[in-house]
C-alpha atoms as a PDB file:
ATOM      1  CA  UNK A   1     -48.018-128.070-121.520  1.00  0.00           C
ATOM      2  CA  UNK A   2     -44.789-126.087-122.034  1.00  0.00           C
ATOM      3  CA  UNK A   3     -43.824-124.125-125.144  1.00  0.00           C
ATOM      4  CA  UNK A   4     -40.176-123.503-126.055  1.00  0.00           C
ATOM      5  CA  UNK A   5     -39.711-120.490-128.336  1.00  0.00           C
ATOM      6  CA  UNK A   6     -36.353-120.546-130.147  1.00  0.00           C
ATOM      7  CA  UNK A   7     -35.068-117.227-131.508  1.00  0.00           C
ATOM      8  CA  UNK A   8     -31.831-117.245-133.537  1.00  0.00           C
ATOM      9  CA  UNK A   9     -30.387-113.726-133.666  1.00  0.00           C
ATOM     10  CA  UNK A  10     -27.539-112.185-135.635  1.00  0.00           C
ATOM     11  CA  UNK A  11     -27.102-108.392-135.585  1.00  0.00           C
ATOM     12  CA  UNK A  12     -30.721-107.584-134.763  1.00  0.00           C
ATOM     13  CA  UNK A  13     -30.183-104.562-132.505  1.00  0.00           C
ATOM     14  CA  UNK A  14     -32.985-102.646-134.246  1.00  0.00           C
ATOM     15  CA  UNK A  15     -35.663-105.224-133.460  1.00  0.00           C
ATOM     16  CA  UNK A  16     -34.431-107.354-130.547  1.00  0.00           C
ATOM     17  CA  UNK A  17     -36.134-105.459-127.732  1.00  0.00           C
ATOM     18  CA  UNK A  18     -39.399-105.136-129.644  1.00  0.00           C
ATOM     19  CA  UNK A  19     -39.652-108.789-130.666  1.00  0.00           C
ATOM     20  CA  UNK A  20     -38.989-109.930-127.097  1.00  0.00           C
ATOM     21  CA  UNK A  21     -41.713-107.636-125.796  1.00  0.00           C
ATOM     22  CA  UNK A  22     -44.150-109.055-128.370  1.00  0.00           C
ATOM     23  CA  UNK A  23     -43.168-112.646-127.584  1.00  0.00           C
ATOM     24  CA  UNK A  24     -43.761-112.175-123.874  1.00  0.00           C
ATOM     25  CA  UNK A  25     -47.012-110.305-124.460  1.00  0.00           C
ATOM     26  CA  UNK A  26     -48.424-113.027-126.721  1.00  0.00           C
ATOM     27  CA  UNK A  27     -51.653-114.429-125.218  1.00  0.00           C
ATOM     28  CA  UNK A  28     -51.061-118.043-124.191  1.00  0.00           C
ATOM     29  CA  UNK A  29     -53.423-119.220-121.477  1.00  0.00           C
ATOM     30  CA  UNK A  30     -52.656-122.493-119.662  1.00  0.00           C
ATOM     31  CA  UNK A  31     -49.313-122.858-121.476  1.00  0.00           C
ATOM     32  CA  UNK A  32     -45.971-122.411-119.730  1.00  0.00           C
ATOM     33  CA  UNK A  33     -43.429-120.568-121.846  1.00  0.00           C
ATOM     34  CA  UNK A  34     -39.641-120.542-122.129  1.00  0.00           C
ATOM     35  CA  UNK A  35     -37.790-118.275-124.542  1.00  0.00           C
ATOM     36  CA  UNK A  36     -34.340-119.257-125.811  1.00  0.00           C
ATOM     37  CA  UNK A  37     -32.377-116.651-127.761  1.00  0.00           C
ATOM     38  CA  UNK A  38     -29.257-117.854-129.548  1.00  0.00           C
ATOM     39  CA  UNK A  39     -26.924-114.912-130.105  1.00  0.00           C
ATOM     40  CA  UNK A  40     -25.145-116.119-133.243  1.00  0.00           C
ATOM     41  CA  UNK A  41     -21.923-114.127-132.883  1.00  0.00           C
ATOM     42  CA  UNK A  42     -23.560-110.699-133.258  1.00  0.00           C
ATOM     43  CA  UNK A  43     -21.151-107.784-133.721  1.00  0.00           C
ATOM     44  CA  UNK A  44     -23.655-104.965-133.080  1.00  0.00           C
ATOM     45  CA  UNK A  45     -25.485-104.107-129.829  1.00  0.00           C
ATOM     46  CA  UNK A  46     -27.552-107.301-129.789  1.00  0.00           C
ATOM     47  CA  UNK A  47     -25.480-108.895-126.954  1.00  0.00           C
ATOM     48  CA  UNK A  48     -25.864-105.822-124.738  1.00  0.00           C
ATOM     49  CA  UNK A  49     -29.608-105.694-125.392  1.00  0.00           C
ATOM     50  CA  UNK A  50     -29.903-109.370-124.435  1.00  0.00           C
ATOM     51  CA  UNK A  51     -28.018-108.824-121.172  1.00  0.00           C
ATOM     52  CA  UNK A  52     -30.449-106.045-120.301  1.00  0.00           C
ATOM     53  CA  UNK A  53     -33.431-108.188-121.314  1.00  0.00           C
ATOM     54  CA  UNK A  54     -32.181-111.060-119.172  1.00  0.00           C
ATOM     55  CA  UNK A  55     -32.957-108.983-116.078  1.00  0.00           C
ATOM     56  CA  UNK A  56     -36.383-108.024-117.390  1.00  0.00           C
ATOM     57  CA  UNK A  57     -37.772-111.416-118.430  1.00  0.00           C
ATOM     58  CA  UNK A  58     -37.659-114.282-115.950  1.00  0.00           C
ATOM     59  CA  UNK A  59     -38.160-117.078-118.496  1.00  0.00           C
ATOM     60  CA  UNK A  60     -35.490-115.790-120.922  1.00  0.00           C
ATOM     61  CA  UNK A  61     -32.490-118.000-121.627  1.00  0.00           C
ATOM     62  CA  UNK A  62     -29.545-116.793-123.717  1.00  0.00           C
ATOM     63  CA  UNK A  63     -26.998-118.899-125.579  1.00  0.00           C
ATOM     64  CA  UNK A  64     -23.993-116.929-126.819  1.00  0.00           C
ATOM     65  CA  UNK A  65     -22.020-118.397-129.722  1.00  0.00           C
ATOM     66  CA  UNK A  66     -18.414-117.247-130.071  1.00  0.00           C
ATOM     67  CA  UNK A  67     -18.807-116.496-133.783  1.00  0.00           C
ATOM     68  CA  UNK A  68     -21.439-116.413-136.513  1.00  0.00           C
ATOM     69  CA  UNK A  69     -22.197-120.036-137.411  1.00  0.00           C
ATOM     70  CA  UNK A  70     -25.496-119.504-139.246  1.00  0.00           C
ATOM     71  CA  UNK A  71     -29.214-119.664-138.548  1.00  0.00           C
ATOM     72  CA  UNK A  72     -29.506-123.440-138.871  1.00  0.00           C
ATOM     73  CA  UNK A  73     -26.662-124.076-136.452  1.00  0.00           C
ATOM     74  CA  UNK A  74     -28.143-121.590-133.967  1.00  0.00           C
ATOM     75  CA  UNK A  75     -31.553-123.265-134.161  1.00  0.00           C
ATOM     76  CA  UNK A  76     -29.962-126.655-133.525  1.00  0.00           C
ATOM     77  CA  UNK A  77     -28.367-125.342-130.334  1.00  0.00           C
ATOM     78  CA  UNK A  78     -31.752-124.042-129.243  1.00  0.00           C
ATOM     79  CA  UNK A  79     -33.406-127.392-129.946  1.00  0.00           C
ATOM     80  CA  UNK A  80     -30.824-129.168-127.783  1.00  0.00           C
ATOM     81  CA  UNK A  81     -31.512-126.788-124.900  1.00  0.00           C
ATOM     82  CA  UNK A  82     -35.303-126.724-125.172  1.00  0.00           C
ATOM     83  CA  UNK A  83     -37.215-128.311-122.294  1.00  0.00           C
ATOM     84  CA  UNK A  84     -40.751-127.748-123.572  1.00  0.00           C
ATOM     85  CA  UNK A  85     -43.310-130.193-124.961  1.00  0.00           C
ATOM     86  CA  UNK A  86     -43.688-128.013-128.083  1.00  0.00           C
ATOM     87  CA  UNK A  87     -40.973-126.110-129.968  1.00  0.00           C
ATOM     88  CA  UNK A  88     -41.700-123.011-132.068  1.00  0.00           C
ATOM     89  CA  UNK A  89     -39.203-121.141-134.262  1.00  0.00           C
ATOM     90  CA  UNK A  90     -39.334-117.327-134.131  1.00  0.00           C
ATOM     91  CA  UNK A  91     -37.182-114.935-136.172  1.00  0.00           C
ATOM     92  CA  UNK A  92     -35.628-111.991-134.324  1.00  0.00           C
ATOM     93  CA  UNK A  93     -37.017-109.438-136.781  1.00  0.00           C
ATOM     94  CA  UNK A  94     -40.595-108.181-136.897  1.00  0.00           C
ATOM     95  CA  UNK A  95     -41.819-110.025-140.004  1.00  0.00           C
ATOM     96  CA  UNK A  96     -43.873-112.541-137.991  1.00  0.00           C
ATOM     97  CA  UNK A  97     -46.455-111.733-135.321  1.00  0.00           C
ATOM     98  CA  UNK A  98     -46.320-113.617-131.972  1.00  0.00           C
ATOM     99  CA  UNK A  99     -50.040-112.980-131.586  1.00  0.00           C
ATOM    100  CA  UNK A 100     -50.395-115.974-133.923  1.00  0.00           C
ATOM    101  CA  UNK A 101     -48.872-118.352-131.335  1.00  0.00           C
ATOM    102  CA  UNK A 102     -52.199-119.518-129.924  1.00  0.00           C
ATOM    103  CA  UNK A 103     -53.547-120.793-133.228  1.00  0.00           C
ATOM    104  CA  UNK A 104     -50.130-122.167-134.223  1.00  0.00           C
ATOM    105  CA  UNK A 105     -49.897-124.472-131.218  1.00  0.00           C
ATOM    106  CA  UNK A 106     -53.598-125.394-130.978  1.00  0.00           C
ATOM    107  CA  UNK A 107     -53.441-128.333-133.449  1.00  0.00           C
ATOM    108  CA  UNK A 108     -50.610-129.854-131.390  1.00  0.00           C
ATOM    109  CA  UNK A 109     -52.138-129.088-127.990  1.00  0.00           C
ATOM    110  CA  UNK A 110     -55.345-130.787-129.126  1.00  0.00           C
ATOM    111  CA  UNK A 111     -53.297-133.822-130.323  1.00  0.00           C
ATOM    112  CA  UNK A 112     -54.535-133.414-133.885  1.00  0.00           C
ATOM    113  CA  UNK A 113     -51.064-133.297-135.497  1.00  0.00           C
ATOM    114  CA  UNK A 114     -47.393-133.205-134.490  1.00  0.00           C
ATOM    115  CA  UNK A 115     -46.273-130.480-136.939  1.00  0.00           C
ATOM    116  CA  UNK A 116     -47.772-127.088-137.808  1.00  0.00           C
ATOM    117  CA  UNK A 117     -46.581-124.518-140.351  1.00  0.00           C
ATOM    118  CA  UNK A 118     -47.796-120.943-140.360  1.00  0.00           C
ATOM    119  CA  UNK A 119     -48.731-120.052-143.932  1.00  0.00           C
ATOM    120  CA  UNK A 120     -48.364-116.497-145.181  1.00  0.00           C
ATOM    121  CA  UNK A 121     -50.198-117.456-148.366  1.00  0.00           C
ATOM    122  CA  UNK A 122     -53.378-118.586-146.589  1.00  0.00           C
ATOM    123  CA  UNK A 123     -54.012-115.166-145.051  1.00  0.00           C
ATOM    124  CA  UNK A 124     -55.754-112.779-147.453  1.00  0.00           C
ATOM    125  CA  UNK A 125     -54.712-109.838-145.245  1.00  0.00           C
ATOM    126  CA  UNK A 126     -51.094-110.250-146.365  1.00  0.00           C
ATOM    127  CA  UNK A 127     -50.861-107.918-149.353  1.00  0.00           C
ATOM    128  CA  UNK A 128     -47.076-107.461-149.480  1.00  0.00           C
ATOM    129  CA  UNK A 129     -44.086-109.746-149.981  1.00  0.00           C
ATOM    130  CA  UNK A 130     -40.363-109.174-149.524  1.00  0.00           C
ATOM    131  CA  UNK A 131     -40.158-108.918-153.308  1.00  0.00           C
ATOM    132  CA  UNK A 132     -41.173-110.890-156.413  1.00  0.00           C
ATOM    133  CA  UNK A 133     -38.108-113.157-156.280  1.00  0.00           C
ATOM    134  CA  UNK A 134     -38.743-114.055-152.640  1.00  0.00           C
ATOM    135  CA  UNK A 135     -42.416-114.728-153.343  1.00  0.00           C
ATOM    136  CA  UNK A 136     -41.823-116.827-156.462  1.00  0.00           C
ATOM    137  CA  UNK A 137     -38.998-118.666-154.734  1.00  0.00           C
ATOM    138  CA  UNK A 138     -41.324-119.597-151.885  1.00  0.00           C
ATOM    139  CA  UNK A 139     -44.011-120.791-154.283  1.00  0.00           C
ATOM    140  CA  UNK A 140     -41.500-122.951-156.138  1.00  0.00           C
ATOM    141  CA  UNK A 141     -40.051-124.475-152.945  1.00  0.00           C
ATOM    142  CA  UNK A 142     -43.560-125.329-151.747  1.00  0.00           C
ATOM    143  CA  UNK A 143     -44.379-126.921-155.110  1.00  0.00           C
ATOM    144  CA  UNK A 144     -41.126-128.894-155.089  1.00  0.00           C
ATOM    145  CA  UNK A 145     -41.652-130.149-151.536  1.00  0.00           C
ATOM    146  CA  UNK A 146     -45.190-131.248-152.414  1.00  0.00           C
ATOM    147  CA  UNK A 147     -44.031-133.125-155.509  1.00  0.00           C
ATOM    148  CA  UNK A 148     -41.052-134.805-153.854  1.00  0.00           C
ATOM    149  CA  UNK A 149     -42.686-135.770-150.565  1.00  0.00           C
ATOM    150  CA  UNK A 150     -46.407-135.931-151.278  1.00  0.00           C
ATOM    151  CA  UNK A 151     -47.127-132.964-149.033  1.00  0.00           C
ATOM    152  CA  UNK A 152     -49.962-130.450-149.346  1.00  0.00           C
ATOM    153  CA  UNK A 153     -48.445-127.206-148.083  1.00  0.00           C
ATOM    154  CA  UNK A 154     -48.565-123.658-149.416  1.00  0.00           C
ATOM    155  CA  UNK A 155     -45.593-122.067-147.604  1.00  0.00           C
ATOM    156  CA  UNK A 156     -42.539-124.303-147.200  1.00  0.00           C
ATOM    157  CA  UNK A 157     -40.010-121.544-146.308  1.00  0.00           C
ATOM    158  CA  UNK A 158     -42.150-119.949-143.581  1.00  0.00           C
ATOM    159  CA  UNK A 159     -40.367-119.094-140.352  1.00  0.00           C
ATOM    160  CA  UNK A 160     -43.270-120.233-138.189  1.00  0.00           C
ATOM    161  CA  UNK A 161     -42.704-123.953-137.858  1.00  0.00           C
ATOM    162  CA  UNK A 162     -44.007-125.705-134.735  1.00  0.00           C
ATOM    163  CA  UNK A 163     -43.269-129.260-133.610  1.00  0.00           C
ATOM    164  CA  UNK A 164     -43.818-131.723-130.832  1.00  0.00           C
ATOM    165  CA  UNK A 165     -40.455-131.488-129.120  1.00  0.00           C
ATOM    166  CA  UNK A 166     -39.630-135.185-129.041  1.00  0.00           C
ATOM    167  CA  UNK A 167     -40.209-135.446-132.798  1.00  0.00           C
ATOM    168  CA  UNK A 168     -37.983-132.480-133.659  1.00  0.00           C
ATOM    169  CA  UNK A 169     -35.208-133.620-131.333  1.00  0.00           C
ATOM    170  CA  UNK A 170     -35.092-136.992-133.114  1.00  0.00           C
ATOM    171  CA  UNK A 171     -34.734-135.686-136.684  1.00  0.00           C
ATOM    172  CA  UNK A 172     -30.896-135.589-136.592  1.00  0.00           C
ATOM    173  CA  UNK A 173     -30.640-132.186-138.283  1.00  0.00           C
ATOM    174  CA  UNK A 174     -27.295-131.102-139.762  1.00  0.00           C
ATOM    175  CA  UNK A 175     -28.158-127.632-141.147  1.00  0.00           C
ATOM    176  CA  UNK A 176     -25.903-124.642-140.546  1.00  0.00           C
ATOM    177  CA  UNK A 177     -27.381-121.766-142.549  1.00  0.00           C
ATOM    178  CA  UNK A 178     -30.844-121.109-143.967  1.00  0.00           C
ATOM    179  CA  UNK A 179     -31.287-124.742-145.010  1.00  0.00           C
ATOM    180  CA  UNK A 180     -33.064-125.515-141.732  1.00  0.00           C
ATOM    181  CA  UNK A 181     -36.438-125.070-143.474  1.00  0.00           C
ATOM    182  CA  UNK A 182     -35.929-127.464-146.403  1.00  0.00           C
ATOM    183  CA  UNK A 183     -34.079-130.011-144.264  1.00  0.00           C
ATOM    184  CA  UNK A 184     -36.738-130.224-141.581  1.00  0.00           C
ATOM    185  CA  UNK A 185     -39.493-130.291-144.237  1.00  0.00           C
ATOM    186  CA  UNK A 186     -37.708-133.087-146.098  1.00  0.00           C
ATOM    187  CA  UNK A 187     -37.187-135.195-142.986  1.00  0.00           C
ATOM    188  CA  UNK A 188     -40.797-134.717-141.903  1.00  0.00           C
ATOM    189  CA  UNK A 189     -41.910-135.583-145.439  1.00  0.00           C
ATOM    190  CA  UNK A 190     -39.816-138.751-145.582  1.00  0.00           C
ATOM    191  CA  UNK A 191     -41.522-139.942-142.422  1.00  0.00           C
ATOM    192  CA  UNK A 192     -44.958-139.300-143.968  1.00  0.00           C
ATOM    193  CA  UNK A 193     -45.900-137.035-141.071  1.00  0.00           C
ATOM    194  CA  UNK A 194     -48.822-134.709-141.720  1.00  0.00           C
ATOM    195  CA  UNK A 195     -48.140-130.965-141.681  1.00  0.00           C
ATOM    196  CA  UNK A 196     -51.140-128.803-140.799  1.00  0.00           C
ATOM    197  CA  UNK A 197     -51.046-125.188-141.974  1.00  0.00           C
ATOM    198  CA  UNK A 198     -52.702-122.192-140.315  1.00  0.00           C
ATOM    199  CA  UNK A 199     -52.901-118.657-141.767  1.00  0.00           C
ATOM    200  CA  UNK A 200     -50.535-116.121-140.205  1.00  0.00           C
ATOM    201  CA  UNK A 201     -49.809-112.414-140.528  1.00  0.00           C
ATOM    202  CA  UNK A 202     -46.666-111.304-142.345  1.00  0.00           C
ATOM    203  CA  UNK A 203     -44.871-107.957-142.377  1.00  0.00           C
ATOM    204  CA  UNK A 204     -41.944-108.364-144.810  1.00  0.00           C
ATOM    205  CA  UNK A 205     -38.740-106.383-144.586  1.00  0.00           C
ATOM    206  CA  UNK A 206     -36.360-105.615-147.439  1.00  0.00           C
ATOM    207  CA  UNK A 207     -32.640-106.221-147.850  1.00  0.00           C
ATOM    208  CA  UNK A 208     -32.059-102.569-146.902  1.00  0.00           C
ATOM    209  CA  UNK A 209     -33.997-103.143-143.693  1.00  0.00           C
ATOM    210  CA  UNK A 210     -31.815-106.093-142.729  1.00  0.00           C
ATOM    211  CA  UNK A 211     -33.179-109.163-144.559  1.00  0.00           C
ATOM    212  CA  UNK A 212     -30.229-111.560-144.772  1.00  0.00           C
ATOM    213  CA  UNK A 213     -31.361-114.421-147.001  1.00  0.00           C
ATOM    214  CA  UNK A 214     -30.074-114.303-150.609  1.00  0.00           C
ATOM    215  CA  UNK A 215     -30.678-116.094-153.910  1.00  0.00           C
ATOM    216  CA  UNK A 216     -27.863-118.543-153.143  1.00  0.00           C
ATOM    217  CA  UNK A 217     -29.848-119.749-150.154  1.00  0.00           C
ATOM    218  CA  UNK A 218     -32.782-120.464-152.464  1.00  0.00           C
ATOM    219  CA  UNK A 219     -30.580-122.593-154.695  1.00  0.00           C
ATOM    220  CA  UNK A 220     -29.294-124.447-151.645  1.00  0.00           C
ATOM    221  CA  UNK A 221     -32.855-125.030-150.465  1.00  0.00           C
ATOM    222  CA  UNK A 222     -33.728-126.689-153.777  1.00  0.00           C
ATOM    223  CA  UNK A 223     -30.664-128.921-153.505  1.00  0.00           C
ATOM    224  CA  UNK A 224     -31.461-129.898-149.908  1.00  0.00           C
ATOM    225  CA  UNK A 225     -35.042-130.875-150.793  1.00  0.00           C
ATOM    226  CA  UNK A 226     -33.853-133.010-153.704  1.00  0.00           C
ATOM    227  CA  UNK A 227     -30.920-134.543-151.820  1.00  0.00           C
ATOM    228  CA  UNK A 228     -32.953-135.729-148.844  1.00  0.00           C
ATOM    229  CA  UNK A 229     -35.583-137.263-151.077  1.00  0.00           C
ATOM    230  CA  UNK A 230     -33.076-139.781-152.406  1.00  0.00           C
ATOM    231  CA  UNK A 231     -30.369-139.932-149.715  1.00  0.00           C
ATOM    232  CA  UNK A 232     -31.216-140.779-146.106  1.00  0.00           C
END
């Protein structure tokens, strides 16, 4: 079994080295691992850090985009390049803990389901959120996805989404920015594919600390969920 970890990165010089060290240190017995970082036109020291890291980590692959296209576009390039049996999405910041990888991939490794979401809301240890608007926005998006697609999930906009690779590669995604989450949820929902959730740890960062998503992205997420429910 091989796991492809896709990390879109835009101006993450403060966290890039640390997240790579955590990803490679994550305990994954009997699972081969490849890490694909998509440098989405970063203008800080992220490219230099990745060059240095490329010498340090044997399984690291780097895709450099000539300009900033957006998180969704970067993820799509990573999906195209992935050679693993399972694909996991990892943000380049430190909000999500790679120590959760083992339980995230277990339902797929055991052939129980084809899709797993890591839920921040199912872990009682998570006492903080990125802010009330982010929290309420996530609750509403989860509610909307459940209503529109008959799902039973608690954390639709979570970063930790894990898929059987052949399924994800056949979803024909078109996202460019932060709409990757609602688009992939909608297309999984339309196919009536079960999503299993597992509790994960979450260490939120603020806008001042580099969080890039904004309220406009929340509005777009609502539109994407509604659009894909009625338009193939």
